[in-house]
């Protein structure tokens, strides 16, 4: 595991520690969880962009009316 040094206002850090303590965890554990979610979001965004790029070539052959597009 690699160490990371961050800077934030002391008051904000103390508030975050209190929240972590109320959730029976540590600030480090909470940050690692956030970092995993953040990194996953980038991955999901990249997959989304790749799919949209592929679908850009799709052609329905004609334009649909508003009613046709909202039909269920």
N, C-alpha and C. Protein backbone atom coordinates (compact mmCIF):
# COMPACT_ATOMS: atom_id res chain seq x y z
N UNK A 1 0.85 -1.17 0.00
CA UNK A 1 0.00 0.00 0.00
C UNK A 1 0.89 1.23 0.00
N UNK A 2 0.49 2.23 -0.76
CA UNK A 2 1.27 3.46 -0.89
C UNK A 2 0.66 4.56 -0.02
N UNK A 3 1.52 5.36 0.62
CA UNK A 3 1.05 6.47 1.44
C UNK A 3 0.78 7.69 0.58
N UNK A 4 -0.16 8.51 1.03
CA UNK A 4 -0.55 9.73 0.32
C UNK A 4 -0.74 10.82 1.36
N UNK A 5 -0.19 11.99 1.10
CA UNK A 5 -0.34 13.11 2.01
C UNK A 5 -1.29 14.12 1.40
N UNK A 6 -2.30 14.51 2.16
CA UNK A 6 -3.30 15.48 1.70
C UNK A 6 -3.32 16.68 2.64
N UNK A 7 -3.82 17.78 2.14
CA UNK A 7 -3.97 18.98 2.96
C UNK A 7 -5.43 19.40 2.97
N UNK A 8 -5.91 19.78 4.14
CA UNK A 8 -7.28 20.28 4.28
C UNK A 8 -7.35 21.12 5.55
N UNK A 9 -8.41 21.88 5.67
CA UNK A 9 -8.58 22.70 6.87
C UNK A 9 -8.73 21.79 8.09
N UNK A 10 -8.12 22.20 9.18
CA UNK A 10 -8.13 21.39 10.39
C UNK A 10 -9.56 21.09 10.85
N UNK A 11 -10.41 22.08 10.78
CA UNK A 11 -11.81 21.90 11.21
C UNK A 11 -12.51 20.84 10.36
N UNK A 12 -12.25 20.85 9.06
CA UNK A 12 -12.85 19.88 8.16
C UNK A 12 -12.37 18.47 8.47
N UNK A 13 -11.09 18.33 8.76
CA UNK A 13 -10.53 17.03 9.10
C UNK A 13 -11.17 16.50 10.39
N UNK A 14 -11.30 17.35 11.38
CA UNK A 14 -11.90 16.93 12.65
C UNK A 14 -13.36 16.52 12.46
N UNK A 15 -14.09 17.26 11.65
CA UNK A 15 -15.49 16.90 11.37
C UNK A 15 -15.55 15.54 10.67
N UNK A 16 -14.65 15.32 9.72
CA UNK A 16 -14.61 14.06 9.00
C UNK A 16 -14.26 12.91 9.94
N UNK A 17 -13.37 13.15 10.86
CA UNK A 17 -13.01 12.11 11.84
C UNK A 17 -14.21 11.75 12.72
N UNK A 18 -14.98 12.75 13.12
CA UNK A 18 -16.17 12.51 13.93
C UNK A 18 -17.20 11.67 13.15
N UNK A 19 -17.38 11.99 11.88
CA UNK A 19 -18.30 11.22 11.04
C UNK A 19 -17.81 9.78 10.92
N UNK A 20 -16.53 9.61 10.66
CA UNK A 20 -15.96 8.27 10.53
C UNK A 20 -16.15 7.49 11.84
N UNK A 21 -15.87 8.13 12.96
CA UNK A 21 -16.01 7.47 14.26
C UNK A 21 -17.46 7.05 14.49
N UNK A 22 -18.42 7.90 14.11
CA UNK A 22 -19.83 7.55 14.29
C UNK A 22 -20.23 6.37 13.41
N UNK A 23 -19.48 6.13 12.35
CA UNK A 23 -19.75 5.00 11.45
C UNK A 23 -18.85 3.81 11.76
N UNK A 24 -18.17 3.89 12.90
CA UNK A 24 -17.29 2.81 13.37
C UNK A 24 -16.21 2.46 12.36
N UNK A 25 -15.58 3.49 11.82
CA UNK A 25 -14.48 3.30 10.88
C UNK A 25 -13.45 4.39 11.14
N UNK A 26 -12.41 4.41 10.33
CA UNK A 26 -11.39 5.45 10.44
C UNK A 26 -11.49 6.37 9.22
N UNK A 27 -10.87 7.51 9.35
CA UNK A 27 -10.84 8.44 8.23
C UNK A 27 -10.07 7.83 7.07
N UNK A 28 -8.99 7.10 7.36
CA UNK A 28 -8.23 6.43 6.30
C UNK A 28 -9.10 5.42 5.55
N UNK A 29 -9.84 4.61 6.28
CA UNK A 29 -10.70 3.60 5.65
C UNK A 29 -11.78 4.27 4.81
N UNK A 30 -12.36 5.35 5.33
CA UNK A 30 -13.40 6.08 4.58
C UNK A 30 -12.81 6.67 3.29
N UNK A 31 -11.59 7.20 3.38
CA UNK A 31 -10.96 7.76 2.19
C UNK A 31 -10.65 6.68 1.17
N UNK A 32 -10.16 5.51 1.63
CA UNK A 32 -9.88 4.42 0.69
C UNK A 32 -11.15 3.97 -0.02
N UNK A 33 -12.26 3.91 0.71
CA UNK A 33 -13.53 3.54 0.09
C UNK A 33 -13.93 4.59 -0.96
N UNK A 34 -13.81 5.86 -0.61
CA UNK A 34 -14.14 6.93 -1.56
C UNK A 34 -13.25 6.84 -2.79
N UNK A 35 -11.96 6.57 -2.59
CA UNK A 35 -11.02 6.50 -3.70
C UNK A 35 -11.38 5.35 -4.65
N UNK A 36 -11.76 4.20 -4.10
CA UNK A 36 -12.19 3.07 -4.93
C UNK A 36 -13.41 3.45 -5.76
N UNK A 37 -14.39 4.12 -5.14
CA UNK A 37 -15.59 4.54 -5.86
C UNK A 37 -15.24 5.57 -6.94
N UNK A 38 -14.37 6.50 -6.61
CA UNK A 38 -13.97 7.54 -7.55
C UNK A 38 -13.26 6.94 -8.75
N UNK A 39 -12.36 6.01 -8.51
CA UNK A 39 -11.63 5.35 -9.60
C UNK A 39 -12.59 4.52 -10.44
N UNK A 40 -13.56 3.89 -9.83
CA UNK A 40 -14.54 3.12 -10.57
C UNK A 40 -15.41 3.99 -11.44
N UNK A 41 -15.70 5.19 -10.99
CA UNK A 41 -16.51 6.12 -11.77
C UNK A 41 -15.80 6.48 -13.06
N UNK A 42 -14.48 6.67 -12.99
CA UNK A 42 -13.73 6.96 -14.20
C UNK A 42 -13.82 5.80 -15.17
N UNK A 43 -13.72 4.60 -14.64
CA UNK A 43 -13.79 3.42 -15.48
C UNK A 43 -15.16 3.31 -16.15
N UNK A 44 -16.21 3.56 -15.39
CA UNK A 44 -17.57 3.52 -15.94
C UNK A 44 -17.74 4.60 -17.00
N UNK A 45 -17.17 5.76 -16.76
CA UNK A 45 -17.26 6.85 -17.74
C UNK A 45 -16.54 6.46 -19.03
N UNK A 46 -15.39 5.84 -18.91
CA UNK A 46 -14.65 5.41 -20.10
C UNK A 46 -15.44 4.38 -20.89
N UNK A 47 -16.08 3.42 -20.19
CA UNK A 47 -16.91 2.42 -20.88
C UNK A 47 -18.08 3.09 -21.58
N UNK A 48 -18.71 4.05 -20.90
CA UNK A 48 -19.83 4.79 -21.49
C UNK A 48 -19.40 5.50 -22.76
N UNK A 49 -18.28 6.20 -22.71
CA UNK A 49 -17.80 6.93 -23.88
C UNK A 49 -17.49 5.98 -25.04
N UNK A 50 -16.91 4.81 -24.73
CA UNK A 50 -16.60 3.83 -25.78
C UNK A 50 -17.87 3.32 -26.44
N UNK A 51 -18.89 3.02 -25.64
CA UNK A 51 -20.17 2.54 -26.20
C UNK A 51 -20.81 3.63 -27.05
N UNK A 52 -20.81 4.85 -26.56
CA UNK A 52 -21.42 5.95 -27.32
C UNK A 52 -20.68 6.17 -28.64
N UNK A 53 -19.38 6.01 -28.63
CA UNK A 53 -18.59 6.15 -29.86
C UNK A 53 -18.99 5.07 -30.87
N UNK A 54 -19.18 3.84 -30.38
CA UNK A 54 -19.60 2.75 -31.26
C UNK A 54 -21.01 3.01 -31.81
N UNK A 55 -21.90 3.49 -30.97
CA UNK A 55 -23.29 3.70 -31.37
C UNK A 55 -23.46 4.91 -32.29
N UNK A 56 -22.44 5.73 -32.37
CA UNK A 56 -22.52 6.91 -33.22
C UNK A 56 -22.76 6.52 -34.68
N UNK A 57 -22.31 5.32 -35.04
CA UNK A 57 -22.45 4.84 -36.41
C UNK A 57 -23.83 4.25 -36.69
N UNK A 58 -24.63 4.01 -35.65
CA UNK A 58 -25.96 3.40 -35.83
C UNK A 58 -26.87 4.34 -36.61
N UNK A 59 -27.63 3.77 -37.55
CA UNK A 59 -28.55 4.56 -38.36
C UNK A 59 -29.87 3.81 -38.47
N UNK A 60 -30.95 4.43 -38.04
CA UNK A 60 -32.27 3.79 -38.05
C UNK A 60 -32.88 3.82 -39.45
N UNK A 61 -32.31 4.56 -40.36
CA UNK A 61 -32.82 4.62 -41.73
C UNK A 61 -33.79 5.77 -41.97
N UNK A 62 -34.33 6.34 -40.90
CA UNK A 62 -35.23 7.49 -41.04
C UNK A 62 -35.33 8.21 -39.70
N UNK A 63 -35.90 9.39 -39.74
CA UNK A 63 -36.11 10.14 -38.51
C UNK A 63 -37.48 9.77 -37.94
N UNK A 64 -37.54 9.59 -36.63
CA UNK A 64 -38.79 9.25 -35.97
C UNK A 64 -39.47 10.50 -35.44
N UNK A 65 -40.79 10.48 -35.45
CA UNK A 65 -41.55 11.61 -34.89
C UNK A 65 -41.46 11.54 -33.37
N UNK A 66 -41.82 12.62 -32.74
CA UNK A 66 -41.80 12.68 -31.28
C UNK A 66 -42.73 11.61 -30.70
N UNK A 67 -43.92 11.47 -31.28
CA UNK A 67 -44.87 10.46 -30.80
C UNK A 67 -44.30 9.04 -30.94
N UNK A 68 -43.63 8.77 -32.03
CA UNK A 68 -43.05 7.44 -32.25
C UNK A 68 -41.95 7.16 -31.21
N UNK A 69 -41.16 8.16 -30.93
CA UNK A 69 -40.06 7.97 -29.96
C UNK A 69 -40.59 7.79 -28.54
N UNK A 70 -41.76 8.34 -28.23
CA UNK A 70 -42.31 8.24 -26.87
C UNK A 70 -43.32 7.11 -26.73
N UNK A 71 -43.54 6.35 -27.81
CA UNK A 71 -44.47 5.24 -27.77
C UNK A 71 -43.95 4.16 -26.84
N UNK A 72 -44.87 3.53 -26.13
CA UNK A 72 -44.44 2.46 -25.21
C UNK A 72 -45.00 1.15 -25.63
